[in-house]
């Protein structure tokens, strides 16, 4: 997915699905947005790596506890959408 300045909720959700599938080495169509990240084998090391990747991708400063605060693609995509929307509105 090409980096851009404005993302839809669906764009963010698809990016998260693709990244989780890559990290978990499973097919993207087997990822369910409401399932907890732990269901896909994301341990604390992978979670930290994933948050770092998201920081780089979206050019945001994100808390280390991000995946514990937003434990599914569904909840995380909503948070990221809100954060990114506030940045592009300014």
PDB file of N, CA and C in Angstrom:
ATOM      1  N   UNK A   1       0.850  -1.175   0.000  1.00  0.00           N
ATOM      2  CA  UNK A   1       0.000   0.000   0.000  1.00  0.00           C
ATOM      3  C   UNK A   1       0.896   1.238   0.000  1.00  0.00           C
ATOM      4  N   UNK A   2       0.614   2.187  -0.868  1.00  0.00           N
ATOM      5  CA  UNK A   2       1.397   3.409  -0.975  1.00  0.00           C
ATOM      6  C   UNK A   2       1.085   4.355   0.187  1.00  0.00           C
ATOM      7  N   UNK A   3       2.110   4.975   0.735  1.00  0.00           N
ATOM      8  CA  UNK A   3       1.928   5.920   1.833  1.00  0.00           C
ATOM      9  C   UNK A   3       1.195   7.149   1.312  1.00  0.00           C
ATOM     10  N   UNK A   4       0.229   7.655   2.060  1.00  0.00           N
ATOM     11  CA  UNK A   4      -0.510   8.853   1.668  1.00  0.00           C
ATOM     12  C   UNK A   4      -0.865   9.658   2.904  1.00  0.00           C
ATOM     13  N   UNK A   5      -1.435  10.835   2.706  1.00  0.00           N
ATOM     14  CA  UNK A   5      -1.694  11.709   3.834  1.00  0.00           C
ATOM     15  C   UNK A   5      -3.052  11.472   4.479  1.00  0.00           C
ATOM     16  N   UNK A   6      -4.033  11.013   3.726  1.00  0.00           N
ATOM     17  CA  UNK A   6      -5.359  10.763   4.290  1.00  0.00           C
ATOM     18  C   UNK A   6      -5.708   9.288   4.094  1.00  0.00           C
ATOM     19  N   UNK A   7      -6.202   8.676   5.149  1.00  0.00           N
ATOM     20  CA  UNK A   7      -6.558   7.253   5.114  1.00  0.00           C
ATOM     21  C   UNK A   7      -8.011   7.093   5.524  1.00  0.00           C
ATOM     22  N   UNK A   8      -8.695   6.204   4.837  1.00  0.00           N
ATOM     23  CA  UNK A   8     -10.043   5.844   5.280  1.00  0.00           C
ATOM     24  C   UNK A   8      -9.904   4.772   6.357  1.00  0.00           C
ATOM     25  N   UNK A   9     -10.965   4.563   7.092  1.00  0.00           N
ATOM     26  CA  UNK A   9     -10.974   3.503   8.097  1.00  0.00           C
ATOM     27  C   UNK A   9     -10.685   2.158   7.434  1.00  0.00           C
ATOM     28  N   UNK A  10     -11.235   1.952   6.246  1.00  0.00           N
ATOM     29  CA  UNK A  10     -11.019   0.694   5.513  1.00  0.00           C
ATOM     30  C   UNK A  10      -9.556   0.537   5.094  1.00  0.00           C
ATOM     31  N   UNK A  11      -8.912   1.650   4.669  1.00  0.00           N
ATOM     32  CA  UNK A  11      -7.485   1.601   4.309  1.00  0.00           C
ATOM     33  C   UNK A  11      -6.651   1.144   5.507  1.00  0.00           C
ATOM     34  N   UNK A  12      -6.933   1.743   6.644  1.00  0.00           N
ATOM     35  CA  UNK A  12      -6.175   1.425   7.858  1.00  0.00           C
ATOM     36  C   UNK A  12      -6.401  -0.025   8.257  1.00  0.00           C
ATOM     37  N   UNK A  13      -7.650  -0.448   8.214  1.00  0.00           N
ATOM     38  CA  UNK A  13      -7.961  -1.826   8.587  1.00  0.00           C
ATOM     39  C   UNK A  13      -7.254  -2.811   7.654  1.00  0.00           C
ATOM     40  N   UNK A  14      -7.239  -2.520   6.352  1.00  0.00           N
ATOM     41  CA  UNK A  14      -6.580  -3.425   5.402  1.00  0.00           C
ATOM     42  C   UNK A  14      -5.072  -3.453   5.626  1.00  0.00           C
ATOM     43  N   UNK A  15      -4.488  -2.306   5.914  1.00  0.00           N
ATOM     44  CA  UNK A  15      -3.054  -2.272   6.205  1.00  0.00           C
ATOM     45  C   UNK A  15      -2.736  -3.128   7.427  1.00  0.00           C
ATOM     46  N   UNK A  16      -3.548  -2.984   8.475  1.00  0.00           N
ATOM     47  CA  UNK A  16      -3.333  -3.783   9.684  1.00  0.00           C
ATOM     48  C   UNK A  16      -3.490  -5.274   9.402  1.00  0.00           C
ATOM     49  N   UNK A  17      -4.494  -5.629   8.634  1.00  0.00           N
ATOM     50  CA  UNK A  17      -4.693  -7.037   8.260  1.00  0.00           C
ATOM     51  C   UNK A  17      -3.467  -7.564   7.524  1.00  0.00           C
ATOM     52  N   UNK A  18      -2.984  -6.799   6.559  1.00  0.00           N
ATOM     53  CA  UNK A  18      -1.827  -7.234   5.773  1.00  0.00           C
ATOM     54  C   UNK A  18      -0.584  -7.379   6.641  1.00  0.00           C
ATOM     55  N   UNK A  19      -0.366  -6.427   7.564  1.00  0.00           N
ATOM     56  CA  UNK A  19       0.823  -6.488   8.422  1.00  0.00           C
ATOM     57  C   UNK A  19       0.742  -7.651   9.417  1.00  0.00           C
ATOM     58  N   UNK A  20      -0.429  -7.874   9.991  1.00  0.00           N
ATOM     59  CA  UNK A  20      -0.589  -8.998  10.928  1.00  0.00           C
ATOM     60  C   UNK A  20      -0.402 -10.321  10.186  1.00  0.00           C
ATOM     61  N   UNK A  21      -0.960 -10.418   9.005  1.00  0.00           N
ATOM     62  CA  UNK A  21      -0.805 -11.638   8.204  1.00  0.00           C
ATOM     63  C   UNK A  21       0.675 -11.893   7.907  1.00  0.00           C
ATOM     64  N   UNK A  22       1.400 -10.836   7.592  1.00  0.00           N
ATOM     65  CA  UNK A  22       2.832 -10.961   7.317  1.00  0.00           C
ATOM     66  C   UNK A  22       3.593 -11.409   8.566  1.00  0.00           C
ATOM     67  N   UNK A  23       3.324 -10.757   9.695  1.00  0.00           N
ATOM     68  CA  UNK A  23       4.009 -11.123  10.937  1.00  0.00           C
ATOM     69  C   UNK A  23       3.664 -12.538  11.396  1.00  0.00           C
ATOM     70  N   UNK A  24       2.397 -12.916  11.255  1.00  0.00           N
ATOM     71  CA  UNK A  24       1.951 -14.233  11.710  1.00  0.00           C
ATOM     72  C   UNK A  24       2.171 -15.321  10.658  1.00  0.00           C
ATOM     73  N   UNK A  25       2.591 -14.900   9.471  1.00  0.00           N
ATOM     74  CA  UNK A  25       2.831 -15.824   8.354  1.00  0.00           C
ATOM     75  C   UNK A  25       1.586 -16.645   8.036  1.00  0.00           C
ATOM     76  N   UNK A  26       0.460 -15.932   7.890  1.00  0.00           N
ATOM     77  CA  UNK A  26      -0.804 -16.558   7.509  1.00  0.00           C
ATOM     78  C   UNK A  26      -1.457 -15.724   6.403  1.00  0.00           C
ATOM     79  N   UNK A  27      -2.451 -16.300   5.767  1.00  0.00           N
ATOM     80  CA  UNK A  27      -3.149 -15.613   4.678  1.00  0.00           C
ATOM     81  C   UNK A  27      -3.989 -14.452   5.229  1.00  0.00           C
ATOM     82  N   UNK A  28      -3.945 -13.289   4.566  1.00  0.00           N
ATOM     83  CA  UNK A  28      -4.750 -12.146   5.030  1.00  0.00           C
ATOM     84  C   UNK A  28      -6.244 -12.446   5.166  1.00  0.00           C
ATOM     85  N   UNK A  29      -6.770 -13.313   4.314  1.00  0.00           N
ATOM     86  CA  UNK A  29      -8.210 -13.596   4.394  1.00  0.00           C
ATOM     87  C   UNK A  29      -8.576 -14.462   5.609  1.00  0.00           C
ATOM     88  N   UNK A  30      -7.572 -14.934   6.344  1.00  0.00           N
ATOM     89  CA  UNK A  30      -7.866 -15.693   7.568  1.00  0.00           C
ATOM     90  C   UNK A  30      -7.844 -14.793   8.810  1.00  0.00           C
ATOM     91  N   UNK A  31      -7.601 -13.506   8.605  1.00  0.00           N
ATOM     92  CA  UNK A  31      -7.582 -12.530   9.699  1.00  0.00           C
ATOM     93  C   UNK A  31      -8.989 -11.959   9.881  1.00  0.00           C
ATOM     94  N   UNK A  32      -9.463 -11.954  11.112  1.00  0.00           N
ATOM     95  CA  UNK A  32     -10.778 -11.398  11.436  1.00  0.00           C
ATOM     96  C   UNK A  32     -10.567 -10.161  12.319  1.00  0.00           C
ATOM     97  N   UNK A  33     -11.035  -8.990  11.872  1.00  0.00           N
ATOM     98  CA  UNK A  33     -10.755  -7.732  12.574  1.00  0.00           C
ATOM     99  C   UNK A  33     -11.154  -7.682  14.048  1.00  0.00           C
ATOM    100  N   UNK A  34     -12.144  -8.446  14.459  1.00  0.00           N
ATOM    101  CA  UNK A  34     -12.580  -8.398  15.863  1.00  0.00           C
ATOM    102  C   UNK A  34     -11.779  -9.338  16.771  1.00  0.00           C
ATOM    103  N   UNK A  35     -10.997 -10.232  16.193  1.00  0.00           N
ATOM    104  CA  UNK A  35     -10.201 -11.179  16.990  1.00  0.00           C
ATOM    105  C   UNK A  35      -9.031 -10.462  17.663  1.00  0.00           C
ATOM    106  N   UNK A  36      -8.702 -10.839  18.870  1.00  0.00           N
ATOM    107  CA  UNK A  36      -7.546 -10.225  19.539  1.00  0.00           C
ATOM    108  C   UNK A  36      -6.236 -10.551  18.814  1.00  0.00           C
ATOM    109  N   UNK A  37      -5.298  -9.605  18.877  1.00  0.00           N
ATOM    110  CA  UNK A  37      -3.991  -9.833  18.250  1.00  0.00           C
ATOM    111  C   UNK A  37      -3.337 -11.110  18.780  1.00  0.00           C
ATOM    112  N   UNK A  38      -3.558 -11.423  20.038  1.00  0.00           N
ATOM    113  CA  UNK A  38      -2.965 -12.625  20.634  1.00  0.00           C
ATOM    114  C   UNK A  38      -3.396 -13.894  19.904  1.00  0.00           C
ATOM    115  N   UNK A  39      -4.567 -13.863  19.278  1.00  0.00           N
ATOM    116  CA  UNK A  39      -5.058 -15.022  18.521  1.00  0.00           C
ATOM    117  C   UNK A  39      -4.147 -15.368  17.352  1.00  0.00           C
ATOM    118  N   UNK A  40      -3.373 -14.396  16.927  1.00  0.00           N
ATOM    119  CA  UNK A  40      -2.493 -14.594  15.776  1.00  0.00           C
ATOM    120  C   UNK A  40      -1.039 -14.775  16.182  1.00  0.00           C
ATOM    121  N   UNK A  41      -0.817 -15.004  17.467  1.00  0.00           N
ATOM    122  CA  UNK A  41       0.522 -15.313  17.946  1.00  0.00           C
ATOM    123  C   UNK A  41       1.431 -14.114  18.137  1.00  0.00           C
ATOM    124  N   UNK A  42       0.860 -12.924  18.247  1.00  0.00           N
ATOM    125  CA  UNK A  42       1.696 -11.752  18.489  1.00  0.00           C
ATOM    126  C   UNK A  42       2.151 -11.732  19.939  1.00  0.00           C
ATOM    127  N   UNK A  43       3.402 -12.056  20.157  1.00  0.00           N
ATOM    128  CA  UNK A  43       3.961 -11.978  21.502  1.00  0.00           C
ATOM    129  C   UNK A  43       4.445 -10.550  21.736  1.00  0.00           C
ATOM    130  N   UNK A  44       5.015 -10.284  22.876  1.00  0.00           N
ATOM    131  CA  UNK A  44       5.410  -8.907  23.214  1.00  0.00           C
ATOM    132  C   UNK A  44       6.489  -8.374  22.273  1.00  0.00           C
ATOM    133  N   UNK A  45       7.402  -9.213  21.832  1.00  0.00           N
ATOM    134  CA  UNK A  45       8.452  -8.767  20.915  1.00  0.00           C
ATOM    135  C   UNK A  45       7.859  -8.370  19.569  1.00  0.00           C
ATOM    136  N   UNK A  46       6.975  -9.204  19.033  1.00  0.00           N
ATOM    137  CA  UNK A  46       6.321  -8.860  17.768  1.00  0.00           C
ATOM    138  C   UNK A  46       5.434  -7.634  17.917  1.00  0.00           C
ATOM    139  N   UNK A  47       4.803  -7.479  19.069  1.00  0.00           N
ATOM    140  CA  UNK A  47       3.938  -6.322  19.306  1.00  0.00           C
ATOM    141  C   UNK A  47       4.759  -5.031  19.267  1.00  0.00           C
ATOM    142  N   UNK A  48       5.921  -5.033  19.904  1.00  0.00           N
ATOM    143  CA  UNK A  48       6.785  -3.848  19.899  1.00  0.00           C
ATOM    144  C   UNK A  48       7.253  -3.546  18.478  1.00  0.00           C
ATOM    145  N   UNK A  49       7.626  -4.571  17.738  1.00  0.00           N
ATOM    146  CA  UNK A  49       8.042  -4.402  16.345  1.00  0.00           C
ATOM    147  C   UNK A  49       6.903  -3.827  15.514  1.00  0.00           C
ATOM    148  N   UNK A  50       5.716  -4.357  15.707  1.00  0.00           N
ATOM    149  CA  UNK A  50       4.529  -3.919  14.972  1.00  0.00           C
ATOM    150  C   UNK A  50       4.219  -2.446  15.265  1.00  0.00           C
ATOM    151  N   UNK A  51       4.274  -2.052  16.527  1.00  0.00           N
ATOM    152  CA  UNK A  51       4.019  -0.651  16.899  1.00  0.00           C
ATOM    153  C   UNK A  51       5.074   0.255  16.261  1.00  0.00           C
ATOM    154  N   UNK A  52       6.320  -0.178  16.269  1.00  0.00           N
ATOM    155  CA  UNK A  52       7.383   0.598  15.616  1.00  0.00           C
ATOM    156  C   UNK A  52       7.136   0.761  14.126  1.00  0.00           C
ATOM    157  N   UNK A  53       6.688  -0.310  13.479  1.00  0.00           N
ATOM    158  CA  UNK A  53       6.358  -0.234  12.055  1.00  0.00           C
ATOM    159  C   UNK A  53       5.218   0.750  11.809  1.00  0.00           C
ATOM    160  N   UNK A  54       4.206   0.720  12.681  1.00  0.00           N
ATOM    161  CA  UNK A  54       3.076   1.648  12.536  1.00  0.00           C
ATOM    162  C   UNK A  54       3.529   3.096  12.731  1.00  0.00           C
ATOM    163  N   UNK A  55       4.418   3.322  13.692  1.00  0.00           N
ATOM    164  CA  UNK A  55       4.946   4.675  13.896  1.00  0.00           C
ATOM    165  C   UNK A  55       5.643   5.180  12.642  1.00  0.00           C
ATOM    166  N   UNK A  56       6.460   4.323  12.045  1.00  0.00           N
ATOM    167  CA  UNK A  56       7.169   4.694  10.816  1.00  0.00           C
ATOM    168  C   UNK A  56       6.187   4.927   9.669  1.00  0.00           C
ATOM    169  N   UNK A  57       5.242   4.025   9.523  1.00  0.00           N
ATOM    170  CA  UNK A  57       4.318   4.099   8.398  1.00  0.00           C
ATOM    171  C   UNK A  57       3.452   5.353   8.456  1.00  0.00           C
ATOM    172  N   UNK A  58       2.845   5.595   9.612  1.00  0.00           N
ATOM    173  CA  UNK A  58       1.908   6.710   9.744  1.00  0.00           C
ATOM    174  C   UNK A  58       2.568   8.002  10.233  1.00  0.00           C
ATOM    175  N   UNK A  59       3.883   7.921  10.546  1.00  0.00           N
ATOM    176  CA  UNK A  59       4.610   9.073  11.063  1.00  0.00           C
ATOM    177  C   UNK A  59       3.910   9.650  12.297  1.00  0.00           C
ATOM    178  N   UNK A  60       3.603   8.756  13.236  1.00  0.00           N
ATOM    179  CA  UNK A  60       2.953   9.085  14.500  1.00  0.00           C
ATOM    180  C   UNK A  60       3.806   8.590  15.647  1.00  0.00           C
ATOM    181  N   UNK A  61       3.692   9.237  16.760  1.00  0.00           N
ATOM    182  CA  UNK A  61       4.292   8.736  18.004  1.00  0.00           C
ATOM    183  C   UNK A  61       3.198   7.929  18.694  1.00  0.00           C
ATOM    184  N   UNK A  62       3.437   6.650  18.923  1.00  0.00           N
ATOM    185  CA  UNK A  62       2.422   5.764  19.492  1.00  0.00           C
ATOM    186  C   UNK A  62       2.916   5.176  20.812  1.00  0.00           C
ATOM    187  N   UNK A  63       2.013   4.952  21.751  1.00  0.00           N
ATOM    188  CA  UNK A  63       2.427   4.383  23.043  1.00  0.00           C
ATOM    189  C   UNK A  63       2.860   2.915  22.894  1.00  0.00           C
ATOM    190  N   UNK A  64       3.806   2.517  23.713  1.00  0.00           N
ATOM    191  CA  UNK A  64       4.280   1.129  23.702  1.00  0.00           C
ATOM    192  C   UNK A  64       3.155   0.151  24.045  1.00  0.00           C
ATOM    193  N   UNK A  65       2.151   0.631  24.778  1.00  0.00           N
ATOM    194  CA  UNK A  65       1.022  -0.216  25.199  1.00  0.00           C
ATOM    195  C   UNK A  65      -0.111  -0.247  24.175  1.00  0.00           C
ATOM    196  N   UNK A  66       0.138   0.243  22.991  1.00  0.00           N
ATOM    197  CA  UNK A  66      -0.908   0.380  21.972  1.00  0.00           C
ATOM    198  C   UNK A  66      -1.729  -0.888  21.755  1.00  0.00           C
ATOM    199  N   UNK A  67      -1.061  -2.020  21.597  1.00  0.00           N
ATOM    200  CA  UNK A  67      -1.791  -3.266  21.287  1.00  0.00           C
ATOM    201  C   UNK A  67      -2.502  -3.841  22.499  1.00  0.00           C
ATOM    202  N   UNK A  68      -2.133  -3.396  23.679  1.00  0.00           N
ATOM    203  CA  UNK A  68      -2.868  -3.815  24.869  1.00  0.00           C
ATOM    204  C   UNK A  68      -4.083  -2.905  25.071  1.00  0.00           C
ATOM    205  N   UNK A  69      -3.900  -1.619  24.728  1.00  0.00           N
ATOM    206  CA  UNK A  69      -5.005  -0.666  24.834  1.00  0.00           C
ATOM    207  C   UNK A  69      -6.060  -0.899  23.749  1.00  0.00           C
ATOM    208  N   UNK A  70      -5.623  -1.325  22.583  1.00  0.00           N
ATOM    209  CA  UNK A  70      -6.499  -1.576  21.424  1.00  0.00           C
ATOM    210  C   UNK A  70      -6.153  -2.970  20.910  1.00  0.00           C
ATOM    211  N   UNK A  71      -6.733  -4.018  21.514  1.00  0.00           N
ATOM    212  CA  UNK A  71      -6.265  -5.392  21.303  1.00  0.00           C
ATOM    213  C   UNK A  71      -6.761  -6.108  20.047  1.00  0.00           C
ATOM    214  N   UNK A  72      -7.416  -5.391  19.145  1.00  0.00           N
ATOM    215  CA  UNK A  72      -7.856  -6.033  17.897  1.00  0.00           C
ATOM    216  C   UNK A  72      -7.676  -5.057  16.745  1.00  0.00           C
ATOM    217  N   UNK A  73      -7.714  -5.562  15.543  1.00  0.00           N
ATOM    218  CA  UNK A  73      -7.626  -4.709  14.357  1.00  0.00           C
ATOM    219  C   UNK A  73      -8.781  -3.720  14.351  1.00  0.00           C
ATOM    220  N   UNK A  74      -9.939  -4.176  14.729  1.00  0.00           N
ATOM    221  CA  UNK A  74     -11.120  -3.319  14.748  1.00  0.00           C
ATOM    222  C   UNK A  74     -10.930  -2.119  15.683  1.00  0.00           C
ATOM    223  N   UNK A  75     -10.501  -2.370  16.900  1.00  0.00           N
ATOM    224  CA  UNK A  75     -10.330  -1.266  17.850  1.00  0.00           C
ATOM    225  C   UNK A  75      -9.124  -0.395  17.494  1.00  0.00           C
ATOM    226  N   UNK A  76      -8.031  -1.003  17.043  1.00  0.00           N
ATOM    227  CA  UNK A  76      -6.835  -0.249  16.692  1.00  0.00           C
ATOM    228  C   UNK A  76      -7.066   0.624  15.462  1.00  0.00           C
ATOM    229  N   UNK A  77      -7.764   0.104  14.481  1.00  0.00           N
ATOM    230  CA  UNK A  77      -8.006   0.904  13.273  1.00  0.00           C
ATOM    231  C   UNK A  77      -8.856   2.125  13.600  1.00  0.00           C
ATOM    232  N   UNK A  78      -9.825   1.994  14.502  1.00  0.00           N
ATOM    233  CA  UNK A  78     -10.627   3.139  14.923  1.00  0.00           C
ATOM    234  C   UNK A  78      -9.772   4.199  15.603  1.00  0.00           C
ATOM    235  N   UNK A  79      -8.880   3.763  16.493  1.00  0.00           N
ATOM    236  CA  UNK A  79      -7.973   4.689  17.172  1.00  0.00           C
ATOM    237  C   UNK A  79      -7.073   5.403  16.162  1.00  0.00           C
ATOM    238  N   UNK A  80      -6.437   4.646  15.276  1.00  0.00           N
ATOM    239  CA  UNK A  80      -5.528   5.243  14.298  1.00  0.00           C
ATOM    240  C   UNK A  80      -6.266   6.200  13.362  1.00  0.00           C
ATOM    241  N   UNK A  81      -7.465   5.827  12.955  1.00  0.00           N
ATOM    242  CA  UNK A  81      -8.262   6.687  12.085  1.00  0.00           C
ATOM    243  C   UNK A  81      -8.530   8.033  12.770  1.00  0.00           C
ATOM    244  N   UNK A  82      -8.902   7.989  14.035  1.00  0.00           N
ATOM    245  CA  UNK A  82      -9.167   9.216  14.789  1.00  0.00           C
ATOM    246  C   UNK A  82      -7.913  10.061  14.906  1.00  0.00           C
ATOM    247  N   UNK A  83      -6.789   9.439  15.258  1.00  0.00           N
ATOM    248  CA  UNK A  83      -5.527  10.163  15.391  1.00  0.00           C
ATOM    249  C   UNK A  83      -5.094  10.799  14.072  1.00  0.00           C
ATOM    250  N   UNK A  84      -5.165  10.030  12.994  1.00  0.00           N
ATOM    251  CA  UNK A  84      -4.764  10.547  11.692  1.00  0.00           C
ATOM    252  C   UNK A  84      -5.713  11.622  11.188  1.00  0.00           C
ATOM    253  N   UNK A  85      -6.977  11.495  11.469  1.00  0.00           N
ATOM    254  CA  UNK A  85      -7.964  12.503  11.063  1.00  0.00           C
ATOM    255  C   UNK A  85      -7.686  13.832  11.751  1.00  0.00           C
ATOM    256  N   UNK A  86      -7.312  13.783  13.020  1.00  0.00           N
ATOM    257  CA  UNK A  86      -6.994  15.010  13.752  1.00  0.00           C
ATOM    258  C   UNK A  86      -5.743  15.689  13.174  1.00  0.00           C
ATOM    259  N   UNK A  87      -4.769  14.893  12.743  1.00  0.00           N
ATOM    260  CA  UNK A  87      -3.556  15.461  12.164  1.00  0.00           C
ATOM    261  C   UNK A  87      -3.823  16.119  10.818  1.00  0.00           C
ATOM    262  N   UNK A  88      -4.633  15.471   9.987  1.00  0.00           N
ATOM    263  CA  UNK A  88      -4.897  16.023   8.652  1.00  0.00           C
ATOM    264  C   UNK A  88      -5.876  17.187   8.708  1.00  0.00           C
ATOM    265  N   UNK A  89      -6.617  17.324   9.795  1.00  0.00           N
ATOM    266  CA  UNK A  89      -7.557  18.442   9.939  1.00  0.00           C
ATOM    267  C   UNK A  89      -6.825  19.735  10.288  1.00  0.00           C
ATOM    268  N   UNK A  90      -5.622  19.608  10.830  1.00  0.00           N
ATOM    269  CA  UNK A  90      -4.864  20.810  11.249  1.00  0.00           C
ATOM    270  C   UNK A  90      -4.092  21.414  10.113  1.00  0.00           C
TER     271      UNK A  90
END
